[in-house]
Amino acid sequence: MGNELGDMKNELLKFDATIIDKAYFLGNKKYGYSFTNENNKIMEMSVFAGAKKNTVSFDEVKLISEGHTIEKEYDDVFMRSFSKMEIEIKGRKVKLYLSTNKKLIDNNYKNVKPCR
């Protein structure tokens, strides 16, 4: 935990909360959790690679953990082209799912090779 690049951040501090009520941690940059804030309101937070922060609901993270694919559509994504030296704002559709091609071993991700 810390504030340096690469350190895990305590995202609850800005809400004066200290305890996560429920959580799903599915991999690097793939998690969602809920907590009760200082006003006794249940809050949901999510980070999911490919999706904008907090746009995947806690229920959707749970569905992904069960093997479902969730589709999201964003209409304001900045797209850059180095070959044209342009930046455009475009729409983008993403499919979010639980990746099974990496395995967590001793807290490190390893590529899984299929057996034949």
Foldseek 3Di string as FASTA:
>chain_A
DDDDPPDDDDPCVVQVDDDWPDKDDQDVQFIKTWDQGPVRDIDIWGGAPPDDTRPQGPVNSVVQVVWDKDKDKDAFDWDADPVVRDIDGGMDMDIGHRDPQWDQDPNDTDGDDDDD
